C-alpha cells in the first residue's frame, strides 16, 4: 500500500480518488511523514485492517462485561439520568 502525503492528496484529490474507485488502489495517508489514515475503496472497507483486530476484540469483551452488569429493564436514557443525579 503506497504512502501519500496530505499535500499531494489535496493537490491531486480527483485523480487519486478515481484510482481508488476504478482500480482499487489503497493509500496510507501521511502528515509530515507519519501515517494518519488509510484511503481505500468502500468494498474493501468491510474487512477490518489487521491493526484493528485487537481493538475489536477489546470492544467485544467490553460488550460482554456491560451486558453482565446491565440492569434488566433499564434503558440507556434511564442509566444516564441516574448518573446525572
C-alpha atoms as a PDB file:
ATOM      1  CA  UNK A   1       0.000   0.000   0.000  1.00  0.00           C
ATOM      2  CA  UNK A   2       1.717   3.206  -1.123  1.00  0.00           C
ATOM      3  CA  UNK A   3       2.010   6.273   1.102  1.00  0.00           C
ATOM      4  CA  UNK A   4       0.551   9.588   0.027  1.00  0.00           C
ATOM      5  CA  UNK A   5       1.230  12.876   1.761  1.00  0.00           C
ATOM      6  CA  UNK A   6      -1.598  15.169   2.678  1.00  0.00           C
ATOM      7  CA  UNK A   7      -0.284  17.923   0.400  1.00  0.00           C
ATOM      8  CA  UNK A   8      -0.205  15.539  -2.586  1.00  0.00           C
ATOM      9  CA  UNK A   9      -3.670  14.240  -1.714  1.00  0.00           C
ATOM     10  CA  UNK A  10      -5.075  17.770  -1.633  1.00  0.00           C
ATOM     11  CA  UNK A  11      -3.420  18.729  -4.913  1.00  0.00           C
ATOM     12  CA  UNK A  12      -4.499  15.595  -6.796  1.00  0.00           C
ATOM     13  CA  UNK A  13      -7.660  14.505  -4.974  1.00  0.00           C
ATOM     14  CA  UNK A  14      -9.756  13.867  -8.101  1.00  0.00           C
ATOM     15  CA  UNK A  15      -7.251  11.628  -9.834  1.00  0.00           C
ATOM     16  CA  UNK A  16      -6.332   9.809  -6.625  1.00  0.00           C
ATOM     17  CA  UNK A  17      -9.978   9.092  -5.803  1.00  0.00           C
ATOM     18  CA  UNK A  18     -10.520   7.917  -9.366  1.00  0.00           C
ATOM     19  CA  UNK A  19      -7.671   5.401  -8.900  1.00  0.00           C
ATOM     20  CA  UNK A  20      -9.194   4.242  -5.622  1.00  0.00           C
ATOM     21  CA  UNK A  21     -12.651   3.829  -7.171  1.00  0.00           C
ATOM     22  CA  UNK A  22     -11.707   2.354 -10.532  1.00  0.00           C
ATOM     23  CA  UNK A  23      -8.548   0.372  -9.805  1.00  0.00           C
ATOM     24  CA  UNK A  24      -8.978  -0.379  -6.093  1.00  0.00           C
ATOM     25  CA  UNK A  25      -5.715   1.354  -5.157  1.00  0.00           C
ATOM     26  CA  UNK A  26      -5.266   1.788  -1.395  1.00  0.00           C
ATOM     27  CA  UNK A  27      -3.146   4.521   0.183  1.00  0.00           C
ATOM     28  CA  UNK A  28      -1.701   5.239   3.598  1.00  0.00           C
ATOM     29  CA  UNK A  29      -2.244   8.969   4.146  1.00  0.00           C
ATOM     30  CA  UNK A  30       0.654  10.670   5.911  1.00  0.00           C
ATOM     31  CA  UNK A  31       1.099  14.014   7.619  1.00  0.00           C
ATOM     32  CA  UNK A  32       4.695  15.159   7.930  1.00  0.00           C
ATOM     33  CA  UNK A  33       5.776  11.602   7.177  1.00  0.00           C
ATOM     34  CA  UNK A  34       3.649   9.998   9.909  1.00  0.00           C
ATOM     35  CA  UNK A  35       0.750   7.706   8.925  1.00  0.00           C
ATOM     36  CA  UNK A  36      -2.617   9.179   9.948  1.00  0.00           C
ATOM     37  CA  UNK A  37      -5.172   7.182   7.963  1.00  0.00           C
ATOM     38  CA  UNK A  38      -5.977   4.812   5.162  1.00  0.00           C
ATOM     39  CA  UNK A  39      -7.752   5.629   1.918  1.00  0.00           C
ATOM     40  CA  UNK A  40      -9.391   2.580   0.382  1.00  0.00           C
ATOM     41  CA  UNK A  41     -12.421   1.648  -1.709  1.00  0.00           C
ATOM     42  CA  UNK A  42     -15.669   1.111   0.189  1.00  0.00           C
ATOM     43  CA  UNK A  43     -15.930  -2.504  -0.921  1.00  0.00           C
ATOM     44  CA  UNK A  44     -12.589  -3.149   0.813  1.00  0.00           C
ATOM     45  CA  UNK A  45     -13.735  -1.310   3.938  1.00  0.00           C
ATOM     46  CA  UNK A  46     -15.880  -4.254   5.036  1.00  0.00           C
ATOM     47  CA  UNK A  47     -12.785  -6.177   6.067  1.00  0.00           C
ATOM     48  CA  UNK A  48     -11.094  -4.736   9.169  1.00  0.00           C
ATOM     49  CA  UNK A  49      -7.462  -3.756   8.862  1.00  0.00           C
ATOM     50  CA  UNK A  50      -5.214  -6.252  10.718  1.00  0.00           C
ATOM     51  CA  UNK A  51      -4.122  -3.489  13.101  1.00  0.00           C
ATOM     52  CA  UNK A  52      -7.763  -3.044  14.167  1.00  0.00           C
ATOM     53  CA  UNK A  53      -8.223  -6.642  15.342  1.00  0.00           C
ATOM     54  CA  UNK A  54      -7.115  -6.017  18.965  1.00  0.00           C
ATOM     55  CA  UNK A  55      -9.478  -3.049  19.204  1.00  0.00           C
ATOM     56  CA  UNK A  56     -12.459  -5.095  18.025  1.00  0.00           C
ATOM     57  CA  UNK A  57     -11.541  -7.912  20.416  1.00  0.00           C
ATOM     58  CA  UNK A  58     -11.414  -5.450  23.304  1.00  0.00           C
ATOM     59  CA  UNK A  59     -14.784  -3.971  22.303  1.00  0.00           C
ATOM     60  CA  UNK A  60     -16.300  -7.459  22.195  1.00  0.00           C
ATOM     61  CA  UNK A  61     -15.005  -8.167  25.711  1.00  0.00           C
ATOM     62  CA  UNK A  62     -16.350  -4.835  26.950  1.00  0.00           C
ATOM     63  CA  UNK A  63     -19.776  -5.543  25.468  1.00  0.00           C
ATOM     64  CA  UNK A  64     -19.922  -8.847  27.377  1.00  0.00           C
ATOM     65  CA  UNK A  65     -18.892  -7.075  30.595  1.00  0.00           C
ATOM     66  CA  UNK A  66     -21.502  -4.344  30.079  1.00  0.00           C
ATOM     67  CA  UNK A  67     -24.141  -6.981  29.348  1.00  0.00           C
ATOM     68  CA  UNK A  68     -23.437  -8.731  32.657  1.00  0.00           C
ATOM     69  CA  UNK A  69     -23.777  -5.501  34.639  1.00  0.00           C
ATOM     70  CA  UNK A  70     -26.783  -4.113  32.732  1.00  0.00           C
ATOM     71  CA  UNK A  71     -29.882  -3.679  34.862  1.00  0.00           C
ATOM     72  CA  UNK A  72     -32.810  -5.656  33.487  1.00  0.00           C
ATOM     73  CA  UNK A  73     -35.447  -3.384  32.023  1.00  0.00           C
ATOM     74  CA  UNK A  74     -33.290  -0.252  32.220  1.00  0.00           C
ATOM     75  CA  UNK A  75     -32.806   1.863  29.124  1.00  0.00           C
ATOM     76  CA  UNK A  76     -29.672   3.789  28.303  1.00  0.00           C
ATOM     77  CA  UNK A  77     -31.617   7.008  28.972  1.00  0.00           C
ATOM     78  CA  UNK A  78     -32.510   5.727  32.457  1.00  0.00           C
ATOM     79  CA  UNK A  79     -28.888   4.905  33.212  1.00  0.00           C
ATOM     80  CA  UNK A  80     -27.669   8.304  32.025  1.00  0.00           C
ATOM     81  CA  UNK A  81     -30.304  10.071  34.111  1.00  0.00           C
ATOM     82  CA  UNK A  82     -29.215   8.045  37.134  1.00  0.00           C
ATOM     83  CA  UNK A  83     -25.566   9.079  36.650  1.00  0.00           C
ATOM     84  CA  UNK A  84     -26.505  12.756  36.415  1.00  0.00           C
ATOM     85  CA  UNK A  85     -28.042  12.723  39.894  1.00  0.00           C
END
